[in-house]
Amino acid sequence: MTSPAAGGGGASHLGDAPAAAAEERHARSNAPLFWGLIAGVIVGDVVTKAWAVRALVPKHVPHQVFGDVLRFTLVHNPGAAFGLNLGTLSRWIFMALTLGALVVLGRLYRATRPGDAWRTLALGLVCGGAVGNLIDRVRSAEGVVDFIDVGWGEQWRWPTFNVADMAVSVGAFLLAWVLWGEDRREAAEAAESAASARTAGVAPAPPASPSTGDAAASSSP
């Protein structure tokens, strides 16, 4: 005869099966978009940086594309996106920060609902851009290759950037928008649930009225 403990263990394993199947379906539904974006951003970033290193030498010499508004200027940035620098240890600090950020982003991806294209799109862009710049930091002590130079004249110029920086910026903005929308929906659902609970507490079901026979019996001596 099967013991109760053994029966409980079997039920537990059976209960785990639907959860595992659901997780597998989740991974399949979002994986093509997520991994496809990461691969596309990395390939685009690596190819354009390789072109810039060959075609835009020497460094710091602007090449006009659309007047002074858009130029290609080759620079190496040992810091973070858009020229943020933390000194001689920037390379190692930002490598560690990037790896930590990728862990957090991976967890956000695992928690993404199946079919949530906007959140998957945002996470794929940020991860792809982060990996693109991480490759530069691992490969060279000079830092990240930047070459896109936009601005007006020489006084009003945005820090030089690259394809990976654009992916990170767009993805981060989109992710913030998506998470803000999720917070709003959760707050609205919580408020609606609280209102329903209060309504149920204020207006309880009326008690049943006594039957005619009970009323007669209570009135007799």
Foldseek 3Di string as FASTA:
>chain_A
DDDPVNVVVVVVVVVVVVVVVQLVLQCVQLVVLQVVLLVVLLVQQVVVLVCCVPPAPPAPDWDDDPPQFKTWGKAFACADFQRDDDPLCRLVVLLVVLVVVLVVLVVVSSVDGRPPNLLSQLSSLQNSLSVNQNVQSVVDNSGGIFTIWGADDDPGTTRTGTSSSVSNVVSVVSNVVVVVVVVVVVVVVVVVVVVVVVVCVVDPDDDDDDDPVVVVVVPDD
